[in-house]
Amino acid sequence: MIDSPGIAAFVAVWGFWVLLCVGWMRHELRARGTGVFIALWLTGFLALRRVLLGLLFAPYVAVLDIALVFVIFHGDIRLT
């Protein structure tokens, strides 16, 4: 059985990779930008595994997701 924080972590991690692919396909992220975001993800993955058994990794990835949305879509996504 999976709980709500587990689902949120799943959405954050998969959302990161989906946004990274969308940014690459739309040519908003070049090789350098993609490399920077992958390096940030990998740094957080390796560093935050040691802190509180990795509980801070999902919020960290969620912040990276927000940064990717701003970079790819040039601001926030309109819902209306």
Protein backbone atom coordinates (compact mmCIF):
# COMPACT_ATOMS: atom_id res chain seq x y z
CA MET A 1 0.00 0.00 0.00
CA ILE A 2 1.30 3.44 -0.90
CA ASP A 3 0.52 6.61 1.01
CA SER A 4 -0.02 10.19 -0.08
CA PRO A 5 3.63 11.34 0.32
CA GLY A 6 4.70 8.34 -1.73
CA ILE A 7 2.36 9.30 -4.55
CA ALA A 8 3.58 12.90 -4.37
CA ALA A 9 7.19 11.72 -4.61
CA PHE A 10 6.30 9.51 -7.58
CA VAL A 11 4.62 12.42 -9.37
CA ALA A 12 7.54 14.77 -8.62
CA VAL A 13 10.21 12.39 -9.89
CA TRP A 14 8.34 11.31 -13.03
CA GLY A 15 7.24 14.89 -13.65
CA PHE A 16 10.87 15.96 -13.62
CA TRP A 17 11.82 13.51 -16.37
CA VAL A 18 8.71 14.32 -18.42
CA LEU A 19 9.40 18.06 -18.17
CA LEU A 20 13.02 17.47 -19.10
CA CYS A 21 11.92 15.61 -22.24
CA VAL A 22 9.34 18.30 -23.09
CA GLY A 23 11.99 21.00 -22.72
CA TRP A 24 14.35 19.07 -24.96
CA MET A 25 11.71 18.44 -27.63
CA ARG A 26 10.54 22.08 -27.65
CA HIS A 27 14.18 23.21 -27.89
CA GLU A 28 13.81 25.33 -24.76
CA LEU A 29 16.59 23.36 -23.08
CA ARG A 30 19.78 22.90 -24.97
CA ALA A 31 22.43 20.34 -24.01
CA ARG A 32 23.92 22.63 -21.37
CA GLY A 33 20.58 23.37 -19.69
CA THR A 34 19.63 19.71 -19.71
CA GLY A 35 23.01 18.83 -18.24
CA VAL A 36 22.61 21.41 -15.49
CA PHE A 37 19.21 20.05 -14.45
CA ILE A 38 20.42 16.45 -14.54
CA ALA A 39 23.48 17.44 -12.47
CA LEU A 40 21.22 19.19 -9.93
CA TRP A 41 18.96 16.13 -9.76
CA LEU A 42 21.91 13.78 -9.33
CA THR A 43 23.50 15.99 -6.68
CA GLY A 44 20.26 16.08 -4.72
CA PHE A 45 19.81 12.33 -5.11
CA LEU A 46 23.27 11.56 -3.77
CA ALA A 47 23.38 14.23 -1.06
CA LEU A 48 19.85 13.95 0.29
CA ARG A 49 19.93 10.15 0.63
CA ARG A 50 22.04 10.66 3.73
CA VAL A 51 19.74 13.28 5.28
CA LEU A 52 16.69 11.89 7.10
CA LEU A 53 16.74 8.70 5.00
CA GLY A 54 16.02 10.63 1.80
CA LEU A 55 12.79 12.28 2.97
CA LEU A 56 13.86 15.64 1.55
CA PHE A 57 14.48 14.36 -1.98
CA ALA A 58 10.86 14.62 -3.20
CA PRO A 59 10.45 18.28 -2.15
CA TYR A 60 13.82 19.04 -3.73
CA VAL A 61 12.71 17.48 -7.02
CA ALA A 62 9.41 19.37 -6.80
CA VAL A 63 11.37 22.64 -6.64
CA LEU A 64 13.36 21.52 -9.70
CA ASP A 65 10.02 20.80 -11.42
CA ILE A 66 8.85 24.34 -10.71
CA ALA A 67 12.11 25.75 -12.11
CA LEU A 68 11.70 23.61 -15.24
CA VAL A 69 8.15 24.88 -15.77
CA PHE A 70 9.39 28.47 -15.56
CA VAL A 71 12.25 27.79 -17.99
CA ILE A 72 10.23 25.78 -20.51
CA PHE A 73 6.97 27.74 -20.54
CA HIS A 74 8.49 31.19 -19.79
CA GLY A 75 6.43 31.64 -16.65
CA ASP A 76 3.56 29.93 -14.98
CA ILE A 77 1.04 27.76 -16.83
CA ARG A 78 -2.37 29.40 -17.16
CA LEU A 79 -5.25 27.18 -16.07
CA THR A 80 -8.05 29.36 -17.46
